[in-house]
Amino acid sequence: MTNPFDWRTVLLVKHAQHVALIHFPIALFIVGVALDWLATRTKRATFATAAYFNFTVAAASVLPVVLSGLAAWQWQLEGQHVKGILLHHLLCGTASTVIILLSWWIHFHARRGKLVSLPRWRFPLELLGVLTVMITGHLGGFLSGVNQ
């Protein structure tokens, strides 16, 4: 039996990095959406600031997740052709990444004064992002064997 606290178990398993890293942007983005909604409903700047920082860290943590996902595809799945659940996971993951980055970009430009105010259409975009992230995670669970 392997030791769960052995650093080699965490860092050198062929696909474990993606499975471990993915939780950060998911949680940060979903909490950012909730804080953005609270900021709008309560008109409290502290919620808006917290939402902005959640979106910022979510956007920053997406890059290692994408890279580790591509590495897992090559190592664990041996670079097999992208089809079926893997194709859907890749498409939803790409859409999730774009929506997370776009949500951050909107908030970034609003804080820098380049936008007069935050656009109202950001809420449907953010909710679409939450839905897309959920579907991506669900499909990823099938790929990792968790949902079987």
C-alpha atoms as a PDB file:
ATOM      1  CA  MET A   1       0.000   0.000   0.000  1.00  0.00           C
ATOM      2  CA  THR A   2       1.297   3.456  -0.847  1.00  0.00           C
ATOM      3  CA  ASN A   3       1.690   6.202   1.684  1.00  0.00           C
ATOM      4  CA  PRO A   4      -0.817   9.032   0.995  1.00  0.00           C
ATOM      5  CA  PHE A   5       1.657  11.561   2.407  1.00  0.00           C
ATOM      6  CA  ASP A   6       4.532  10.532   0.146  1.00  0.00           C
ATOM      7  CA  TRP A   7       5.301  13.465  -2.213  1.00  0.00           C
ATOM      8  CA  ARG A   8       6.009  11.059  -5.069  1.00  0.00           C
ATOM      9  CA  THR A   9       2.443   9.752  -4.775  1.00  0.00           C
ATOM     10  CA  VAL A  10       1.124  13.262  -5.315  1.00  0.00           C
ATOM     11  CA  LEU A  11       3.540  14.582  -7.926  1.00  0.00           C
ATOM     12  CA  LEU A  12       4.557  11.603 -10.009  1.00  0.00           C
ATOM     13  CA  VAL A  13       1.296   9.761 -10.603  1.00  0.00           C
ATOM     14  CA  LYS A  14       0.528  10.157 -14.293  1.00  0.00           C
ATOM     15  CA  HIS A  15      -2.868  11.871 -14.001  1.00  0.00           C
ATOM     16  CA  ALA A  16      -3.203  12.902 -10.352  1.00  0.00           C
ATOM     17  CA  GLN A  17      -2.179  16.518 -10.871  1.00  0.00           C
ATOM     18  CA  HIS A  18      -5.176  17.374 -13.047  1.00  0.00           C
ATOM     19  CA  VAL A  19      -7.598  15.666 -10.683  1.00  0.00           C
ATOM     20  CA  ALA A  20      -6.149  17.562  -7.714  1.00  0.00           C
ATOM     21  CA  LEU A  21      -5.717  20.968  -9.367  1.00  0.00           C
ATOM     22  CA  ILE A  22      -9.132  21.199 -11.009  1.00  0.00           C
ATOM     23  CA  HIS A  23     -10.911  21.847  -7.717  1.00  0.00           C
ATOM     24  CA  PHE A  24      -9.290  25.271  -7.284  1.00  0.00           C
ATOM     25  CA  PRO A  25     -10.711  27.079 -10.335  1.00  0.00           C
ATOM     26  CA  ILE A  26     -14.060  25.319  -9.922  1.00  0.00           C
ATOM     27  CA  ALA A  27     -14.515  26.439  -6.319  1.00  0.00           C
ATOM     28  CA  LEU A  28     -13.063  29.909  -6.868  1.00  0.00           C
ATOM     29  CA  PHE A  29     -15.253  30.577  -9.894  1.00  0.00           C
ATOM     30  CA  ILE A  30     -18.474  29.367  -8.255  1.00  0.00           C
ATOM     31  CA  VAL A  31     -17.787  31.373  -5.090  1.00  0.00           C
ATOM     32  CA  GLY A  32     -16.888  34.377  -7.269  1.00  0.00           C
ATOM     33  CA  VAL A  33     -20.253  34.133  -9.019  1.00  0.00           C
ATOM     34  CA  ALA A  34     -22.053  33.933  -5.669  1.00  0.00           C
ATOM     35  CA  LEU A  35     -20.112  36.916  -4.316  1.00  0.00           C
ATOM     36  CA  ASP A  36     -20.797  38.907  -7.487  1.00  0.00           C
ATOM     37  CA  TRP A  37     -24.511  38.242  -7.090  1.00  0.00           C
ATOM     38  CA  LEU A  38     -24.349  39.228  -3.399  1.00  0.00           C
ATOM     39  CA  ALA A  39     -22.470  42.412  -4.274  1.00  0.00           C
ATOM     40  CA  THR A  40     -25.171  43.387  -6.729  1.00  0.00           C
ATOM     41  CA  ARG A  41     -28.043  42.549  -4.380  1.00  0.00           C
ATOM     42  CA  THR A  42     -26.580  44.206  -1.267  1.00  0.00           C
ATOM     43  CA  LYS A  43     -24.575  47.012  -2.974  1.00  0.00           C
ATOM     44  CA  ARG A  44     -21.611  46.161  -0.740  1.00  0.00           C
ATOM     45  CA  ALA A  45     -18.179  46.831  -2.212  1.00  0.00           C
ATOM     46  CA  THR A  46     -16.529  44.183  -0.035  1.00  0.00           C
ATOM     47  CA  PHE A  47     -18.466  41.442  -1.823  1.00  0.00           C
ATOM     48  CA  ALA A  48     -17.493  42.930  -5.194  1.00  0.00           C
ATOM     49  CA  THR A  49     -13.835  43.013  -4.177  1.00  0.00           C
ATOM     50  CA  ALA A  50     -13.965  39.426  -2.934  1.00  0.00           C
ATOM     51  CA  ALA A  51     -15.672  38.349  -6.180  1.00  0.00           C
ATOM     52  CA  TYR A  52     -12.957  40.079  -8.221  1.00  0.00           C
ATOM     53  CA  PHE A  53     -10.161  38.317  -6.330  1.00  0.00           C
ATOM     54  CA  ASN A  54     -11.929  34.962  -6.654  1.00  0.00           C
ATOM     55  CA  PHE A  55     -12.230  35.465 -10.417  1.00  0.00           C
ATOM     56  CA  THR A  56      -8.581  36.554 -10.590  1.00  0.00           C
ATOM     57  CA  VAL A  57      -7.237  33.473  -8.812  1.00  0.00           C
ATOM     58  CA  ALA A  58      -9.638  31.205 -10.743  1.00  0.00           C
ATOM     59  CA  ALA A  59      -8.367  32.660 -14.030  1.00  0.00           C
ATOM     60  CA  ALA A  60      -4.742  32.269 -12.920  1.00  0.00           C
ATOM     61  CA  SER A  61      -5.275  28.662 -11.837  1.00  0.00           C
ATOM     62  CA  VAL A  62      -6.922  27.643 -15.115  1.00  0.00           C
ATOM     63  CA  LEU A  63      -3.616  27.488 -17.024  1.00  0.00           C
ATOM     64  CA  PRO A  64      -2.015  24.743 -14.878  1.00  0.00           C
ATOM     65  CA  VAL A  65      -5.303  22.830 -14.990  1.00  0.00           C
ATOM     66  CA  VAL A  66      -5.422  22.958 -18.786  1.00  0.00           C
ATOM     67  CA  LEU A  67      -1.772  21.907 -19.050  1.00  0.00           C
ATOM     68  CA  SER A  68      -2.220  19.062 -16.554  1.00  0.00           C
ATOM     69  CA  GLY A  69      -5.367  17.937 -18.415  1.00  0.00           C
ATOM     70  CA  LEU A  70      -3.463  17.756 -21.685  1.00  0.00           C
ATOM     71  CA  ALA A  71      -0.666  15.878 -19.905  1.00  0.00           C
ATOM     72  CA  ALA A  72      -3.177  13.430 -18.389  1.00  0.00           C
ATOM     73  CA  TRP A  73      -4.653  12.843 -21.831  1.00  0.00           C
ATOM     74  CA  GLN A  74      -1.187  11.976 -23.176  1.00  0.00           C
ATOM     75  CA  TRP A  75      -0.009   9.915 -20.201  1.00  0.00           C
ATOM     76  CA  GLN A  76      -3.065   8.205 -18.771  1.00  0.00           C
ATOM     77  CA  LEU A  77      -5.091   7.876 -21.942  1.00  0.00           C
ATOM     78  CA  GLU A  78      -1.969   7.430 -24.098  1.00  0.00           C
ATOM     79  CA  GLY A  79      -2.975  10.197 -26.497  1.00  0.00           C
ATOM     80  CA  GLN A  80      -5.934   8.227 -27.833  1.00  0.00           C
ATOM     81  CA  HIS A  81      -8.147   9.900 -30.419  1.00  0.00           C
ATOM     82  CA  VAL A  82     -10.464  12.479 -28.948  1.00  0.00           C
ATOM     83  CA  LYS A  83     -13.965  11.017 -29.188  1.00  0.00           C
ATOM     84  CA  GLY A  84     -16.943  10.237 -26.988  1.00  0.00           C
ATOM     85  CA  ILE A  85     -16.780  11.396 -23.387  1.00  0.00           C
ATOM     86  CA  LEU A  86     -13.202  12.623 -23.807  1.00  0.00           C
ATOM     87  CA  LEU A  87     -14.288  14.875 -26.684  1.00  0.00           C
ATOM     88  CA  HIS A  88     -17.218  16.250 -24.700  1.00  0.00           C
ATOM     89  CA  HIS A  89     -14.990  16.812 -21.665  1.00  0.00           C
ATOM     90  CA  LEU A  90     -12.432  18.627 -23.826  1.00  0.00           C
ATOM     91  CA  LEU A  91     -15.097  20.840 -25.440  1.00  0.00           C
ATOM     92  CA  CYS A  92     -16.793  21.659 -22.129  1.00  0.00           C
ATOM     93  CA  GLY A  93     -13.409  22.254 -20.485  1.00  0.00           C
ATOM     94  CA  THR A  94     -12.462  24.662 -23.249  1.00  0.00           C
ATOM     95  CA  ALA A  95     -15.791  26.478 -22.893  1.00  0.00           C
ATOM     96  CA  SER A  96     -15.367  26.613 -19.104  1.00  0.00           C
ATOM     97  CA  THR A  97     -11.877  28.062 -19.484  1.00  0.00           C
ATOM     98  CA  VAL A  98     -13.075  30.729 -21.914  1.00  0.00           C
ATOM     99  CA  ILE A  99     -16.004  31.714 -19.665  1.00  0.00           C
ATOM    100  CA  ILE A 100     -13.812  31.885 -16.543  1.00  0.00           C
ATOM    101  CA  LEU A 101     -11.270  34.062 -18.355  1.00  0.00           C
ATOM    102  CA  LEU A 102     -13.993  36.255 -19.865  1.00  0.00           C
ATOM    103  CA  SER A 103     -15.663  36.723 -16.478  1.00  0.00           C
ATOM    104  CA  TRP A 104     -12.340  37.773 -14.983  1.00  0.00           C
ATOM    105  CA  TRP A 105     -11.674  40.108 -17.926  1.00  0.00           C
ATOM    106  CA  ILE A 106     -15.040  41.853 -17.467  1.00  0.00           C
ATOM    107  CA  HIS A 107     -14.400  42.434 -13.756  1.00  0.00           C
ATOM    108  CA  PHE A 108     -10.780  43.451 -14.392  1.00  0.00           C
ATOM    109  CA  HIS A 109     -11.755  46.114 -16.895  1.00  0.00           C
ATOM    110  CA  ALA A 110     -14.584  47.374 -14.690  1.00  0.00           C
ATOM    111  CA  ARG A 111     -12.195  47.815 -11.758  1.00  0.00           C
ATOM    112  CA  ARG A 112      -9.675  49.620 -13.971  1.00  0.00           C
ATOM    113  CA  GLY A 113     -12.348  52.085 -15.110  1.00  0.00           C
ATOM    114  CA  LYS A 114     -12.358  50.909 -18.722  1.00  0.00           C
ATOM    115  CA  LEU A 115     -16.040  49.979 -18.417  1.00  0.00           C
ATOM    116  CA  VAL A 116     -18.639  52.448 -17.143  1.00  0.00           C
ATOM    117  CA  SER A 117     -20.220  49.695 -15.063  1.00  0.00           C
ATOM    118  CA  LEU A 118     -20.412  45.951 -15.008  1.00  0.00           C
ATOM    119  CA  PRO A 119     -22.680  44.758 -17.827  1.00  0.00           C
ATOM    120  CA  ARG A 120     -25.946  43.080 -16.883  1.00  0.00           C
ATOM    121  CA  TRP A 121     -25.277  40.224 -19.309  1.00  0.00           C
ATOM    122  CA  ARG A 122     -22.434  39.012 -17.096  1.00  0.00           C
ATOM    123  CA  PHE A 123     -24.884  37.139 -14.842  1.00  0.00           C
ATOM    124  CA  PRO A 124     -26.216  34.874 -17.624  1.00  0.00           C
ATOM    125  CA  LEU A 125     -22.599  34.366 -18.724  1.00  0.00           C
ATOM    126  CA  GLU A 126     -21.488  33.482 -15.186  1.00  0.00           C
ATOM    127  CA  LEU A 127     -24.437  31.121 -14.689  1.00  0.00           C
ATOM    128  CA  LEU A 128     -23.632  29.486 -18.032  1.00  0.00           C
ATOM    129  CA  GLY A 129     -20.063  29.157 -16.722  1.00  0.00           C
ATOM    130  CA  VAL A 130     -21.236  27.425 -13.547  1.00  0.00           C
ATOM    131  CA  LEU A 131     -23.365  25.024 -15.594  1.00  0.00           C
ATOM    132  CA  THR A 132     -20.506  24.346 -18.006  1.00  0.00           C
ATOM    133  CA  VAL A 133     -18.064  23.742 -15.141  1.00  0.00           C
ATOM    134  CA  MET A 134     -20.519  21.289 -13.570  1.00  0.00           C
ATOM    135  CA  ILE A 135     -20.966  19.357 -16.821  1.00  0.00           C
ATOM    136  CA  THR A 136     -17.204  19.331 -17.414  1.00  0.00           C
ATOM    137  CA  GLY A 137     -16.585  17.951 -13.923  1.00  0.00           C
ATOM    138  CA  HIS A 138     -19.285  15.332 -14.347  1.00  0.00           C
ATOM    139  CA  LEU A 139     -17.753  14.116 -17.598  1.00  0.00           C
ATOM    140  CA  GLY A 140     -14.291  14.196 -16.015  1.00  0.00           C
ATOM    141  CA  GLY A 141     -15.591  11.933 -13.269  1.00  0.00           C
ATOM    142  CA  PHE A 142     -16.432   9.320 -15.890  1.00  0.00           C
ATOM    143  CA  LEU A 143     -12.978   9.629 -17.416  1.00  0.00           C
ATOM    144  CA  SER A 144     -11.277   9.200 -14.047  1.00  0.00           C
ATOM    145  CA  GLY A 145     -13.504   6.287 -13.049  1.00  0.00           C
ATOM    146  CA  VAL A 146     -15.188   8.071 -10.134  1.00  0.00           C
ATOM    147  CA  ASN A 147     -18.666   8.046 -11.716  1.00  0.00           C
ATOM    148  CA  GLN A 148     -18.633   4.443 -12.888  1.00  0.00           C
END
